[in-house]
Amino acid sequence: MYKFEECYKASRDELKKSSAFEKLPSATKCIDLSMVFPTEGPKRTHYSALTQLRGTLSSSAKTSKQSEGELLVAACGAATDSATDTIVKGLNDEVAALKMARHMYLVHMRGGQDVWVFSPPVHYTEWLQDEFKGLGNKGLATWASQTDEVYSKADKKAMGEATQLALSWTMKCISKLGSPDDATNTVIKRWFCASAATEDEVKTLATKLLRGLSKIATVLNSGMLVLSDEPIDRNSGGWKDYAFVYKSEKMNVIYIQKATLSAALGNKMWDAALTIVHELSHRELGTDDHRYADDGPLSPASATGLTKEQALDNADTWGFFAADLNGAISSGVRKTASGLAA
């Protein structure tokens, strides 16, 4: 297992089983949790079931003197007070499903825009079902008690703000590209054209950019965008990077890494929002990474820049274009990234 949607589907299938989680504390029932996890992706309507689950686990742990892991194992019908560590058929996947619900958050709601964050325990190195595989009831109770998450409260808030900013950018771009003026055409030329671009070429590009950014805006405003940790990649060295997506993944998922969080929390929210646009261009437009701005100039008008064909197919170029058209980057950043003085 290496994708969010695989973990989500496995958890959803468990949550739908009426026989599971009969001993879950308080009034939070399996059916409530399953309704948060429909086939197409998490749904805000029943989000209160997740907050209720977290609250119930917290209060029950205090009153019963049991750990969260013990409560989750008991909720799935297994004993945790025996001296032996017994493997119970199906228990691991049931606990994994509840554990996924425990670490799913709705961090931003604005109109139709929902941003979900999956923030599993930082000590986990695999997706939940694989993390719990082979554990007996005692070991499962111990490992399921891990609650120190990958993303802090500040991280989650920043990710929500970054996606909101990215949506604002794309909507303004759509408005400007629908009837581009000279200022808009100048930005188009800066990022996508060679020095001798014709008026017709710029007009054609405006149409392509409008179409592409409309697709990105649709995802940002879809209500089912998920920002997730990827534990395998994080523990194999990828945590230092910005973000990535799986183009083959049907659900709208962006895997957020440390550099994006550092930008968002370090007064460079524009860089975090740019990353969101960059990654969604991969998903929705099939763009490639011909070059990152850190590796050299992006503009085809620069002597050492990308070709026109590469620029239109380059994710970082889409991100910088959206940021530039919104006046979100400084002249210094723009000069370095584009390779142009103007």
C-alpha atoms as a PDB file:
ATOM      1  CA  MET A   1       0.000   0.000   0.000  1.00  0.00           C
ATOM      2  CA  TYR A   2       1.470   3.365  -1.003  1.00  0.00           C
ATOM      3  CA  LYS A   3      -1.423   5.760  -1.681  1.00  0.00           C
ATOM      4  CA  PHE A   4      -3.902   7.623   0.472  1.00  0.00           C
ATOM      5  CA  GLU A   5      -6.869   6.343  -1.517  1.00  0.00           C
ATOM      6  CA  GLU A   6      -5.838   2.729  -0.855  1.00  0.00           C
ATOM      7  CA  CYS A   7      -5.741   3.364   2.887  1.00  0.00           C
ATOM      8  CA  TYR A   8      -9.016   5.300   2.625  1.00  0.00           C
ATOM      9  CA  LYS A   9     -10.802   2.518   0.720  1.00  0.00           C
ATOM     10  CA  ALA A  10      -9.616  -0.193   3.123  1.00  0.00           C
ATOM     11  CA  SER A  11     -10.760   1.910   6.079  1.00  0.00           C
ATOM     12  CA  ARG A  12     -14.101   2.739   4.462  1.00  0.00           C
ATOM     13  CA  ASP A  13     -14.797  -0.934   3.808  1.00  0.00           C
ATOM     14  CA  GLU A  14     -14.197  -1.726   7.485  1.00  0.00           C
ATOM     15  CA  LEU A  15     -16.307   1.187   8.710  1.00  0.00           C
ATOM     16  CA  LYS A  16     -19.240  -0.057   6.636  1.00  0.00           C
ATOM     17  CA  LYS A  17     -19.355  -3.398   8.479  1.00  0.00           C
ATOM     18  CA  SER A  18     -22.244  -3.222  10.893  1.00  0.00           C
ATOM     19  CA  SER A  19     -20.732  -5.870  13.185  1.00  0.00           C
ATOM     20  CA  ALA A  20     -17.568  -3.859  13.838  1.00  0.00           C
ATOM     21  CA  PHE A  21     -16.878  -1.354  16.619  1.00  0.00           C
ATOM     22  CA  GLU A  22     -19.836  -2.414  18.766  1.00  0.00           C
ATOM     23  CA  LYS A  23     -18.049  -1.319  21.939  1.00  0.00           C
ATOM     24  CA  LEU A  24     -16.958   2.088  20.753  1.00  0.00           C
ATOM     25  CA  PRO A  25     -17.414   4.421  23.740  1.00  0.00           C
ATOM     26  CA  SER A  26     -20.276   6.880  23.959  1.00  0.00           C
ATOM     27  CA  ALA A  27     -22.714   7.495  21.096  1.00  0.00           C
ATOM     28  CA  THR A  28     -20.238   7.490  18.206  1.00  0.00           C
ATOM     29  CA  LYS A  29     -21.346   4.558  16.074  1.00  0.00           C
ATOM     30  CA  CYS A  30     -19.755   2.831  13.104  1.00  0.00           C
ATOM     31  CA  ILE A  31     -22.503   4.039  10.771  1.00  0.00           C
ATOM     32  CA  ASP A  32     -21.734   7.673  11.655  1.00  0.00           C
ATOM     33  CA  LEU A  33     -18.069   7.250  10.825  1.00  0.00           C
ATOM     34  CA  SER A  34     -18.793   5.384   7.594  1.00  0.00           C
ATOM     35  CA  MET A  35     -20.922   8.283   6.385  1.00  0.00           C
ATOM     36  CA  VAL A  36     -17.900  10.582   6.611  1.00  0.00           C
ATOM     37  CA  PHE A  37     -16.057   8.269   4.217  1.00  0.00           C
ATOM     38  CA  PRO A  38     -18.190   7.857   1.059  1.00  0.00           C
ATOM     39  CA  THR A  39     -16.687   6.301  -2.058  1.00  0.00           C
ATOM     40  CA  GLU A  40     -15.718   9.558  -3.751  1.00  0.00           C
ATOM     41  CA  GLY A  41     -13.890  11.012  -0.748  1.00  0.00           C
ATOM     42  CA  PRO A  42     -14.435  12.437   2.758  1.00  0.00           C
ATOM     43  CA  LYS A  43     -17.616  14.447   3.262  1.00  0.00           C
ATOM     44  CA  ARG A  44     -18.072  17.486   5.503  1.00  0.00           C
ATOM     45  CA  THR A  45     -21.760  16.786   6.303  1.00  0.00           C
ATOM     46  CA  HIS A  46     -20.914  14.176   8.914  1.00  0.00           C
ATOM     47  CA  TYR A  47     -17.571  15.567  10.033  1.00  0.00           C
ATOM     48  CA  SER A  48     -18.873  15.934  13.600  1.00  0.00           C
ATOM     49  CA  ALA A  49     -18.545  12.147  13.952  1.00  0.00           C
ATOM     50  CA  LEU A  50     -14.762  12.504  13.695  1.00  0.00           C
ATOM     51  CA  THR A  51     -14.535  15.266  16.282  1.00  0.00           C
ATOM     52  CA  GLN A  52     -16.850  13.232  18.504  1.00  0.00           C
ATOM     53  CA  LEU A  53     -14.572  10.207  18.127  1.00  0.00           C
ATOM     54  CA  ARG A  54     -11.525  12.212  19.178  1.00  0.00           C
ATOM     55  CA  GLY A  55     -13.379  13.747  22.102  1.00  0.00           C
ATOM     56  CA  THR A  56     -14.748  10.400  23.222  1.00  0.00           C
ATOM     57  CA  LEU A  57     -11.346   8.739  23.114  1.00  0.00           C
ATOM     58  CA  SER A  58      -9.782  11.578  25.066  1.00  0.00           C
ATOM     59  CA  SER A  59     -12.441  11.663  27.804  1.00  0.00           C
ATOM     60  CA  SER A  60     -12.727   7.881  28.022  1.00  0.00           C
ATOM     61  CA  ALA A  61      -8.961   7.521  28.366  1.00  0.00           C
ATOM     62  CA  LYS A  62      -9.039   9.870  31.362  1.00  0.00           C
ATOM     63  CA  THR A  63     -11.960   8.224  33.126  1.00  0.00           C
ATOM     64  CA  SER A  64     -11.032   4.604  32.422  1.00  0.00           C
ATOM     65  CA  LYS A  65      -7.268   5.020  32.860  1.00  0.00           C
ATOM     66  CA  GLN A  66      -6.827   3.181  29.555  1.00  0.00           C
ATOM     67  CA  SER A  67      -4.787   4.289  26.559  1.00  0.00           C
ATOM     68  CA  GLU A  68      -6.400   5.263  23.269  1.00  0.00           C
ATOM     69  CA  GLY A  69      -5.017   2.089  21.741  1.00  0.00           C
ATOM     70  CA  GLU A  70      -6.645  -0.072  24.388  1.00  0.00           C
ATOM     71  CA  LEU A  71      -9.951   1.709  23.830  1.00  0.00           C
ATOM     72  CA  LEU A  72      -9.716   1.223  20.051  1.00  0.00           C
ATOM     73  CA  VAL A  73      -8.880  -2.473  20.374  1.00  0.00           C
ATOM     74  CA  ALA A  74     -11.723  -2.952  22.869  1.00  0.00           C
ATOM     75  CA  ALA A  75     -14.074  -1.052  20.532  1.00  0.00           C
ATOM     76  CA  CYS A  76     -13.355  -3.689  17.923  1.00  0.00           C
ATOM     77  CA  GLY A  77     -14.285  -6.477  20.344  1.00  0.00           C
ATOM     78  CA  ALA A  78     -10.866  -7.700  21.492  1.00  0.00           C
ATOM     79  CA  ALA A  79      -9.593  -8.003  25.048  1.00  0.00           C
ATOM     80  CA  THR A  80      -6.541  -6.019  26.116  1.00  0.00           C
ATOM     81  CA  ASP A  81      -6.282  -7.209  29.702  1.00  0.00           C
ATOM     82  CA  SER A  82      -4.886 -10.672  28.954  1.00  0.00           C
ATOM     83  CA  ALA A  83      -1.223 -11.461  29.523  1.00  0.00           C
ATOM     84  CA  THR A  84      -0.772 -13.008  26.076  1.00  0.00           C
ATOM     85  CA  ASP A  85      -0.336 -11.097  22.828  1.00  0.00           C
ATOM     86  CA  THR A  86      -2.939 -12.807  20.670  1.00  0.00           C
ATOM     87  CA  ILE A  87      -3.435 -12.241  16.945  1.00  0.00           C
ATOM     88  CA  VAL A  88      -7.147 -11.802  16.301  1.00  0.00           C
ATOM     89  CA  LYS A  89      -8.365 -12.237  12.723  1.00  0.00           C
ATOM     90  CA  GLY A  90      -9.449  -8.952  11.167  1.00  0.00           C
ATOM     91  CA  LEU A  91      -8.652  -6.899  14.277  1.00  0.00           C
ATOM     92  CA  ASN A  92      -5.727  -5.060  12.704  1.00  0.00           C
ATOM     93  CA  ASP A  93      -7.774  -3.666   9.817  1.00  0.00           C
ATOM     94  CA  GLU A  94     -10.652  -2.685  12.111  1.00  0.00           C
ATOM     95  CA  VAL A  95      -8.357  -0.742  14.415  1.00  0.00           C
ATOM     96  CA  ALA A  96      -6.630   0.818  11.372  1.00  0.00           C
ATOM     97  CA  ALA A  97      -9.998   2.093  10.133  1.00  0.00           C
ATOM     98  CA  LEU A  98     -10.784   3.768  13.449  1.00  0.00           C
ATOM     99  CA  LYS A  99      -7.240   5.101  13.614  1.00  0.00           C
ATOM    100  CA  MET A 100      -7.653   6.731  10.195  1.00  0.00           C
ATOM    101  CA  ALA A 101     -10.867   8.385  11.357  1.00  0.00           C
ATOM    102  CA  ARG A 102      -9.036   9.522  14.487  1.00  0.00           C
ATOM    103  CA  HIS A 103      -6.407  11.384  12.413  1.00  0.00           C
ATOM    104  CA  MET A 104      -8.587  12.929   9.658  1.00  0.00           C
ATOM    105  CA  TYR A 105      -9.314  16.656   9.913  1.00  0.00           C
ATOM    106  CA  LEU A 106     -11.413  19.206   8.070  1.00  0.00           C
ATOM    107  CA  VAL A 107      -9.221  22.298   8.281  1.00  0.00           C
ATOM    108  CA  HIS A 108     -10.929  24.827   6.056  1.00  0.00           C
ATOM    109  CA  MET A 109     -14.457  25.465   4.895  1.00  0.00           C
ATOM    110  CA  ARG A 110     -15.290  28.368   2.622  1.00  0.00           C
ATOM    111  CA  GLY A 111     -18.344  28.061   0.443  1.00  0.00           C
ATOM    112  CA  GLY A 112     -17.868  24.765  -1.373  1.00  0.00           C
ATOM    113  CA  GLN A 113     -14.170  24.532  -0.541  1.00  0.00           C
ATOM    114  CA  ASP A 114     -13.242  21.819   1.949  1.00  0.00           C
ATOM    115  CA  VAL A 115      -9.649  20.950   2.700  1.00  0.00           C
ATOM    116  CA  TRP A 116      -9.019  17.675   4.468  1.00  0.00           C
ATOM    117  CA  VAL A 117      -5.781  16.748   6.186  1.00  0.00           C
ATOM    118  CA  PHE A 118      -4.677  13.231   7.065  1.00  0.00           C
ATOM    119  CA  SER A 119      -2.106  13.509   9.825  1.00  0.00           C
ATOM    120  CA  PRO A 120      -1.073  10.066  11.129  1.00  0.00           C
ATOM    121  CA  PRO A 121       1.367   9.516  14.005  1.00  0.00           C
ATOM    122  CA  VAL A 122       4.884  10.647  13.174  1.00  0.00           C
ATOM    123  CA  HIS A 123       6.342   7.358  14.422  1.00  0.00           C
ATOM    124  CA  TYR A 124       4.505   5.385  11.715  1.00  0.00           C
ATOM    125  CA  THR A 125       6.602   4.423   8.701  1.00  0.00           C
ATOM    126  CA  GLU A 126       3.877   2.735   6.637  1.00  0.00           C
ATOM    127  CA  TRP A 127       0.202   3.203   5.860  1.00  0.00           C
ATOM    128  CA  LEU A 128      -2.048   2.161   8.732  1.00  0.00           C
ATOM    129  CA  GLN A 129      -3.079  -1.281   7.507  1.00  0.00           C
ATOM    130  CA  ASP A 130       0.556  -2.217   6.844  1.00  0.00           C
ATOM    131  CA  GLU A 131       1.750  -0.555  10.057  1.00  0.00           C
ATOM    132  CA  PHE A 132      -0.579  -2.762  12.126  1.00  0.00           C
ATOM    133  CA  LYS A 133      -0.092  -5.964  10.128  1.00  0.00           C
ATOM    134  CA  GLY A 134       1.037  -8.933  12.202  1.00  0.00           C
ATOM    135  CA  LEU A 135       0.478  -7.265  15.581  1.00  0.00           C
ATOM    136  CA  GLY A 136      -1.340  -9.118  18.346  1.00  0.00           C
ATOM    137  CA  ASN A 137      -3.969  -7.443  20.489  1.00  0.00           C
ATOM    138  CA  LYS A 138      -1.464  -6.217  23.096  1.00  0.00           C
ATOM    139  CA  GLY A 139       1.038  -4.897  20.569  1.00  0.00           C
ATOM    140  CA  LEU A 140      -1.779  -3.330  18.574  1.00  0.00           C
ATOM    141  CA  ALA A 141      -3.097  -1.542  21.656  1.00  0.00           C
ATOM    142  CA  THR A 142       0.384  -0.163  22.339  1.00  0.00           C
ATOM    143  CA  TRP A 143       1.080   0.963  18.775  1.00  0.00           C
ATOM    144  CA  ALA A 144      -2.406   2.387  18.215  1.00  0.00           C
ATOM    145  CA  SER A 145      -1.828   4.610  21.265  1.00  0.00           C
ATOM    146  CA  GLN A 146       0.646   6.734  19.304  1.00  0.00           C
ATOM    147  CA  THR A 147      -0.939  10.183  18.934  1.00  0.00           C
ATOM    148  CA  ASP A 148       2.005  12.526  18.205  1.00  0.00           C
ATOM    149  CA  GLU A 149       1.035  13.569  14.678  1.00  0.00           C
ATOM    150  CA  VAL A 150       3.097  14.453  11.605  1.00  0.00           C
ATOM    151  CA  TYR A 151       1.338  17.805  11.177  1.00  0.00           C
ATOM    152  CA  SER A 152       0.943  20.242  14.058  1.00  0.00           C
ATOM    153  CA  LYS A 153      -2.141  22.379  14.589  1.00  0.00           C
ATOM    154  CA  ALA A 154      -0.245  25.302  13.046  1.00  0.00           C
ATOM    155  CA  ASP A 155       0.722  23.123  10.053  1.00  0.00           C
ATOM    156  CA  LYS A 156      -2.904  22.188   9.411  1.00  0.00           C
ATOM    157  CA  LYS A 157      -4.048  25.795   9.618  1.00  0.00           C
ATOM    158  CA  ALA A 158      -1.266  26.893   7.256  1.00  0.00           C
ATOM    159  CA  MET A 159      -2.157  24.210   4.717  1.00  0.00           C
ATOM    160  CA  GLY A 160      -5.760  25.380   4.735  1.00  0.00           C
ATOM    161  CA  GLU A 161      -4.645  28.981   4.181  1.00  0.00           C
ATOM    162  CA  ALA A 162      -2.325  27.937   1.343  1.00  0.00           C
ATOM    163  CA  THR A 163      -5.124  26.175  -0.523  1.00  0.00           C
ATOM    164  CA  GLN A 164      -7.434  29.132   0.023  1.00  0.00           C
ATOM    165  CA  LEU A 165      -4.789  31.429  -1.440  1.00  0.00           C
ATOM    166  CA  ALA A 166      -4.224  29.076  -4.372  1.00  0.00           C
ATOM    167  CA  LEU A 167      -7.964  29.109  -5.102  1.00  0.00           C
ATOM    168  CA  SER A 168      -8.047  32.901  -4.926  1.00  0.00           C
ATOM    169  CA  TRP A 169      -5.142  33.078  -7.374  1.00  0.00           C
ATOM    170  CA  THR A 170      -6.707  30.715  -9.885  1.00  0.00           C
ATOM    171  CA  MET A 171     -10.061  32.491  -9.792  1.00  0.00           C
ATOM    172  CA  LYS A 172      -8.392  35.867 -10.432  1.00  0.00           C
ATOM    173  CA  CYS A 173      -6.328  34.315 -13.224  1.00  0.00           C
ATOM    174  CA  ILE A 174      -9.483  32.970 -14.827  1.00  0.00           C
ATOM    175  CA  SER A 175     -11.050  36.415 -14.696  1.00  0.00           C
ATOM    176  CA  LYS A 176      -8.011  38.098 -16.239  1.00  0.00           C
ATOM    177  CA  LEU A 177      -7.443  35.443 -18.895  1.00  0.00           C
ATOM    178  CA  GLY A 178     -11.080  35.635 -20.012  1.00  0.00           C
ATOM    179  CA  SER A 179     -10.366  39.092 -21.396  1.00  0.00           C
ATOM    180  CA  PRO A 180      -6.604  39.660 -21.197  1.00  0.00           C
ATOM    181  CA  ASP A 181      -5.322  43.222 -21.174  1.00  0.00           C
ATOM    182  CA  ASP A 182      -1.775  44.374 -21.911  1.00  0.00           C
ATOM    183  CA  ALA A 183      -0.620  43.692 -18.346  1.00  0.00           C
ATOM    184  CA  THR A 184      -1.924  40.125 -18.479  1.00  0.00           C
ATOM    185  CA  ASN A 185      -0.345  39.533 -21.880  1.00  0.00           C
ATOM    186  CA  THR A 186       2.978  40.767 -20.516  1.00  0.00           C
ATOM    187  CA  VAL A 187       2.872  38.110 -17.782  1.00  0.00           C
ATOM    188  CA  ILE A 188       1.932  35.432 -20.328  1.00  0.00           C
ATOM    189  CA  LYS A 189       4.915  36.394 -22.462  1.00  0.00           C
ATOM    190  CA  ARG A 190       7.251  36.429 -19.469  1.00  0.00           C
ATOM    191  CA  TRP A 191       6.624  32.793 -18.578  1.00  0.00           C
ATOM    192  CA  PHE A 192       5.569  31.051 -21.777  1.00  0.00           C
ATOM    193  CA  CYS A 193       6.891  32.900 -24.820  1.00  0.00           C
ATOM    194  CA  ALA A 194      10.137  33.393 -26.664  1.00  0.00           C
ATOM    195  CA  SER A 195      11.180  37.007 -27.235  1.00  0.00           C
ATOM    196  CA  ALA A 196       9.521  37.286 -30.650  1.00  0.00           C
ATOM    197  CA  ALA A 197       6.025  36.072 -29.713  1.00  0.00           C
ATOM    198  CA  THR A 198       3.211  37.092 -32.021  1.00  0.00           C
ATOM    199  CA  GLU A 199      -0.143  38.475 -30.918  1.00  0.00           C
ATOM    200  CA  ASP A 200      -1.896  35.310 -32.123  1.00  0.00           C
ATOM    201  CA  GLU A 201       0.529  33.144 -30.173  1.00  0.00           C
ATOM    202  CA  VAL A 202      -0.186  35.041 -26.959  1.00  0.00           C
ATOM    203  CA  LYS A 203      -3.930  34.856 -27.603  1.00  0.00           C
ATOM    204  CA  THR A 204      -3.734  31.090 -28.093  1.00  0.00           C
ATOM    205  CA  LEU A 205      -1.722  30.736 -24.906  1.00  0.00           C
ATOM    206  CA  ALA A 206      -4.279  32.771 -22.959  1.00  0.00           C
ATOM    207  CA  THR A 207      -6.968  30.318 -24.020  1.00  0.00           C
ATOM    208  CA  LYS A 208      -4.866  27.309 -23.002  1.00  0.00           C
ATOM    209  CA  LEU A 209      -3.990  28.872 -19.666  1.00  0.00           C
ATOM    210  CA  LEU A 210      -7.625  29.734 -19.015  1.00  0.00           C
ATOM    211  CA  ARG A 211      -8.651  26.154 -19.701  1.00  0.00           C
ATOM    212  CA  GLY A 212      -5.918  24.697 -17.520  1.00  0.00           C
ATOM    213  CA  LEU A 213      -6.390  27.021 -14.545  1.00  0.00           C
ATOM    214  CA  SER A 214     -10.147  26.405 -14.692  1.00  0.00           C
ATOM    215  CA  LYS A 215      -9.461  22.700 -14.155  1.00  0.00           C
ATOM    216  CA  ILE A 216      -7.174  23.470 -11.217  1.00  0.00           C
ATOM    217  CA  ALA A 217      -9.771  25.819  -9.694  1.00  0.00           C
ATOM    218  CA  THR A 218     -12.415  23.112  -9.973  1.00  0.00           C
ATOM    219  CA  VAL A 219     -10.324  20.774  -7.842  1.00  0.00           C
ATOM    220  CA  LEU A 220      -9.514  23.491  -5.307  1.00  0.00           C
ATOM    221  CA  ASN A 221     -13.223  24.249  -5.001  1.00  0.00           C
ATOM    222  CA  SER A 222     -14.404  20.653  -5.211  1.00  0.00           C
ATOM    223  CA  GLY A 223     -14.938  20.059  -1.502  1.00  0.00           C
ATOM    224  CA  MET A 224     -12.800  16.921  -1.531  1.00  0.00           C
ATOM    225  CA  LEU A 225      -9.172  18.001  -1.706  1.00  0.00           C
ATOM    226  CA  VAL A 226      -6.998  15.957   0.662  1.00  0.00           C
ATOM    227  CA  LEU A 227      -3.577  17.054   1.913  1.00  0.00           C
ATOM    228  CA  SER A 228      -1.856  13.987   3.299  1.00  0.00           C
ATOM    229  CA  ASP A 229       1.309  12.632   4.781  1.00  0.00           C
ATOM    230  CA  GLU A 230       2.994   9.807   2.881  1.00  0.00           C
ATOM    231  CA  PRO A 231       4.779   7.814   5.604  1.00  0.00           C
ATOM    232  CA  ILE A 232       6.882   5.648   3.314  1.00  0.00           C
ATOM    233  CA  ASP A 233       8.281   8.593   1.369  1.00  0.00           C
ATOM    234  CA  ARG A 234       8.705  10.672   4.540  1.00  0.00           C
ATOM    235  CA  ASN A 235      10.839   8.002   6.159  1.00  0.00           C
ATOM    236  CA  SER A 236      12.944   7.363   3.066  1.00  0.00           C
ATOM    237  CA  GLY A 237      14.223  10.932   2.764  1.00  0.00           C
ATOM    238  CA  GLY A 238      11.386  12.738   1.002  1.00  0.00           C
ATOM    239  CA  TRP A 239      10.274  14.812   3.988  1.00  0.00           C
ATOM    240  CA  LYS A 240      12.766  17.580   3.124  1.00  0.00           C
ATOM    241  CA  ASP A 241      11.005  18.272  -0.209  1.00  0.00           C
ATOM    242  CA  TYR A 242       7.882  20.350  -0.989  1.00  0.00           C
ATOM    243  CA  ALA A 243       5.109  18.034  -2.136  1.00  0.00           C
ATOM    244  CA  PHE A 244       4.119  15.472  -4.736  1.00  0.00           C
ATOM    245  CA  VAL A 245       1.105  13.754  -6.286  1.00  0.00           C
ATOM    246  CA  TYR A 246       0.356  10.432  -7.910  1.00  0.00           C
ATOM    247  CA  LYS A 247      -1.127  11.218 -11.314  1.00  0.00           C
ATOM    248  CA  SER A 248      -2.825   7.817 -11.335  1.00  0.00           C
ATOM    249  CA  GLU A 249      -4.642   8.430  -8.043  1.00  0.00           C
ATOM    250  CA  LYS A 250      -8.341   9.061  -8.641  1.00  0.00           C
ATOM    251  CA  MET A 251      -8.908  11.013  -5.443  1.00  0.00           C
ATOM    252  CA  ASN A 252      -7.662  14.602  -5.232  1.00  0.00           C
ATOM    253  CA  VAL A 253      -4.644  14.122  -2.967  1.00  0.00           C
ATOM    254  CA  ILE A 254      -1.493  16.204  -2.523  1.00  0.00           C
ATOM    255  CA  TYR A 255       1.240  14.817  -0.281  1.00  0.00           C
ATOM    256  CA  ILE A 256       2.622  17.749   1.692  1.00  0.00           C
ATOM    257  CA  GLN A 257       6.209  17.725   2.925  1.00  0.00           C
ATOM    258  CA  LYS A 258       8.344  19.868   5.201  1.00  0.00           C
ATOM    259  CA  ALA A 259       9.503  22.553   2.734  1.00  0.00           C
ATOM    260  CA  THR A 260       5.911  23.590   2.029  1.00  0.00           C
ATOM    261  CA  LEU A 261       5.146  23.831   5.734  1.00  0.00           C
ATOM    262  CA  SER A 262       8.332  25.808   6.366  1.00  0.00           C
ATOM    263  CA  ALA A 263       7.389  28.254   3.606  1.00  0.00           C
ATOM    264  CA  ALA A 264       3.821  28.684   4.870  1.00  0.00           C
ATOM    265  CA  LEU A 265       4.925  29.241   8.462  1.00  0.00           C
ATOM    266  CA  GLY A 266       7.942  31.356   7.512  1.00  0.00           C
ATOM    267  CA  ASN A 267       6.198  34.336   5.890  1.00  0.00           C
ATOM    268  CA  LYS A 268       6.324  32.755   2.421  1.00  0.00           C
ATOM    269  CA  MET A 269       2.702  31.687   2.078  1.00  0.00           C
ATOM    270  CA  TRP A 270       2.985  32.544  -1.613  1.00  0.00           C
ATOM    271  CA  ASP A 271       5.516  29.718  -1.984  1.00  0.00           C
ATOM    272  CA  ALA A 272       3.152  27.233  -0.333  1.00  0.00           C
ATOM    273  CA  ALA A 273       0.250  28.344  -2.549  1.00  0.00           C
ATOM    274  CA  LEU A 274       2.517  28.154  -5.602  1.00  0.00           C
ATOM    275  CA  THR A 275       3.307  24.562  -4.620  1.00  0.00           C
ATOM    276  CA  ILE A 276      -0.409  23.722  -4.531  1.00  0.00           C
ATOM    277  CA  VAL A 277      -0.908  25.100  -8.061  1.00  0.00           C
ATOM    278  CA  HIS A 278       2.275  23.327  -9.205  1.00  0.00           C
ATOM    279  CA  GLU A 279       1.104  19.946  -7.911  1.00  0.00           C
ATOM    280  CA  LEU A 280      -2.449  20.276  -9.225  1.00  0.00           C
ATOM    281  CA  SER A 281      -1.067  21.092 -12.662  1.00  0.00           C
ATOM    282  CA  HIS A 282       0.564  17.652 -12.523  1.00  0.00           C
ATOM    283  CA  ARG A 283      -2.737  16.001 -11.596  1.00  0.00           C
ATOM    284  CA  GLU A 284      -5.141  17.905 -13.808  1.00  0.00           C
ATOM    285  CA  LEU A 285      -2.999  18.919 -16.778  1.00  0.00           C
ATOM    286  CA  GLY A 286      -0.407  16.155 -16.821  1.00  0.00           C
ATOM    287  CA  THR A 287       2.490  18.605 -16.612  1.00  0.00           C
ATOM    288  CA  ASP A 288       6.054  17.433 -16.073  1.00  0.00           C
ATOM    289  CA  ASP A 289       9.008  18.770 -14.094  1.00  0.00           C
ATOM    290  CA  HIS A 290      11.290  19.890 -16.897  1.00  0.00           C
ATOM    291  CA  ARG A 291      12.871  22.366 -14.494  1.00  0.00           C
ATOM    292  CA  TYR A 292      12.358  23.861 -11.061  1.00  0.00           C
ATOM    293  CA  ALA A 293      13.016  27.573 -10.678  1.00  0.00           C
ATOM    294  CA  ASP A 294      15.796  26.761  -8.215  1.00  0.00           C
ATOM    295  CA  ASP A 295      17.635  24.948 -11.006  1.00  0.00           C
ATOM    296  CA  GLY A 296      17.625  27.699 -13.626  1.00  0.00           C
ATOM    297  CA  PRO A 297      15.475  30.242 -15.488  1.00  0.00           C
ATOM    298  CA  LEU A 298      12.043  29.162 -16.650  1.00  0.00           C
ATOM    299  CA  SER A 299      11.231  31.755 -19.309  1.00  0.00           C
ATOM    300  CA  PRO A 300      11.678  30.777 -22.976  1.00  0.00           C
ATOM    301  CA  ALA A 301      12.776  34.370 -23.543  1.00  0.00           C
ATOM    302  CA  SER A 302      15.822  33.797 -21.348  1.00  0.00           C
ATOM    303  CA  ALA A 303      18.987  32.701 -23.155  1.00  0.00           C
ATOM    304  CA  THR A 304      19.187  29.598 -20.938  1.00  0.00           C
ATOM    305  CA  GLY A 305      15.469  29.133 -20.306  1.00  0.00           C
ATOM    306  CA  LEU A 306      13.041  26.391 -21.269  1.00  0.00           C
ATOM    307  CA  THR A 307      11.655  25.977 -24.745  1.00  0.00           C
ATOM    308  CA  LYS A 308       8.095  27.193 -25.371  1.00  0.00           C
ATOM    309  CA  GLU A 309       6.889  23.596 -25.444  1.00  0.00           C
ATOM    310  CA  GLN A 310       8.629  22.783 -22.169  1.00  0.00           C
ATOM    311  CA  ALA A 311       7.317  25.909 -20.464  1.00  0.00           C
ATOM    312  CA  LEU A 312       3.708  25.006 -21.189  1.00  0.00           C
ATOM    313  CA  ASP A 313       4.358  21.500 -19.880  1.00  0.00           C
ATOM    314  CA  ASN A 314       6.308  22.595 -16.803  1.00  0.00           C
ATOM    315  CA  ALA A 315       4.544  22.583 -13.407  1.00  0.00           C
ATOM    316  CA  ASP A 316       6.723  25.256 -11.824  1.00  0.00           C
ATOM    317  CA  THR A 317       5.999  27.601 -14.727  1.00  0.00           C
ATOM    318  CA  TRP A 318       2.250  27.312 -14.094  1.00  0.00           C
ATOM    319  CA  GLY A 319       2.803  28.013 -10.414  1.00  0.00           C
ATOM    320  CA  PHE A 320       4.964  31.078 -10.994  1.00  0.00           C
ATOM    321  CA  PHE A 321       2.620  32.387 -13.666  1.00  0.00           C
ATOM    322  CA  ALA A 322      -0.361  32.217 -11.280  1.00  0.00           C
ATOM    323  CA  ALA A 323       1.629  33.900  -8.514  1.00  0.00           C
ATOM    324  CA  ASP A 324       2.974  36.616 -10.840  1.00  0.00           C
ATOM    325  CA  LEU A 325      -0.401  37.420 -12.404  1.00  0.00           C
ATOM    326  CA  ASN A 326      -1.683  37.976  -8.857  1.00  0.00           C
ATOM    327  CA  GLY A 327       1.250  40.216  -7.933  1.00  0.00           C
ATOM    328  CA  ALA A 328       2.249  37.738  -5.231  1.00  0.00           C
ATOM    329  CA  ILE A 329       5.996  37.561  -5.876  1.00  0.00           C
ATOM    330  CA  SER A 330       8.658  40.222  -5.532  1.00  0.00           C
ATOM    331  CA  SER A 331      10.561  41.597  -8.497  1.00  0.00           C
ATOM    332  CA  GLY A 332      13.658  39.797  -7.232  1.00  0.00           C
ATOM    333  CA  VAL A 333      11.939  36.414  -7.075  1.00  0.00           C
ATOM    334  CA  ARG A 334      10.368  37.017 -10.471  1.00  0.00           C
ATOM    335  CA  LYS A 335      13.733  37.964 -12.018  1.00  0.00           C
ATOM    336  CA  THR A 336      15.493  34.912 -10.608  1.00  0.00           C
ATOM    337  CA  ALA A 337      12.757  32.459 -11.530  1.00  0.00           C
ATOM    338  CA  SER A 338      12.108  33.763 -15.037  1.00  0.00           C
ATOM    339  CA  GLY A 339      15.670  34.754 -15.908  1.00  0.00           C
ATOM    340  CA  LEU A 340      14.440  38.106 -17.205  1.00  0.00           C
ATOM    341  CA  ALA A 341      15.290  41.542 -15.898  1.00  0.00           C
ATOM    342  CA  ALA A 342      11.873  43.042 -16.528  1.00  0.00           C
END
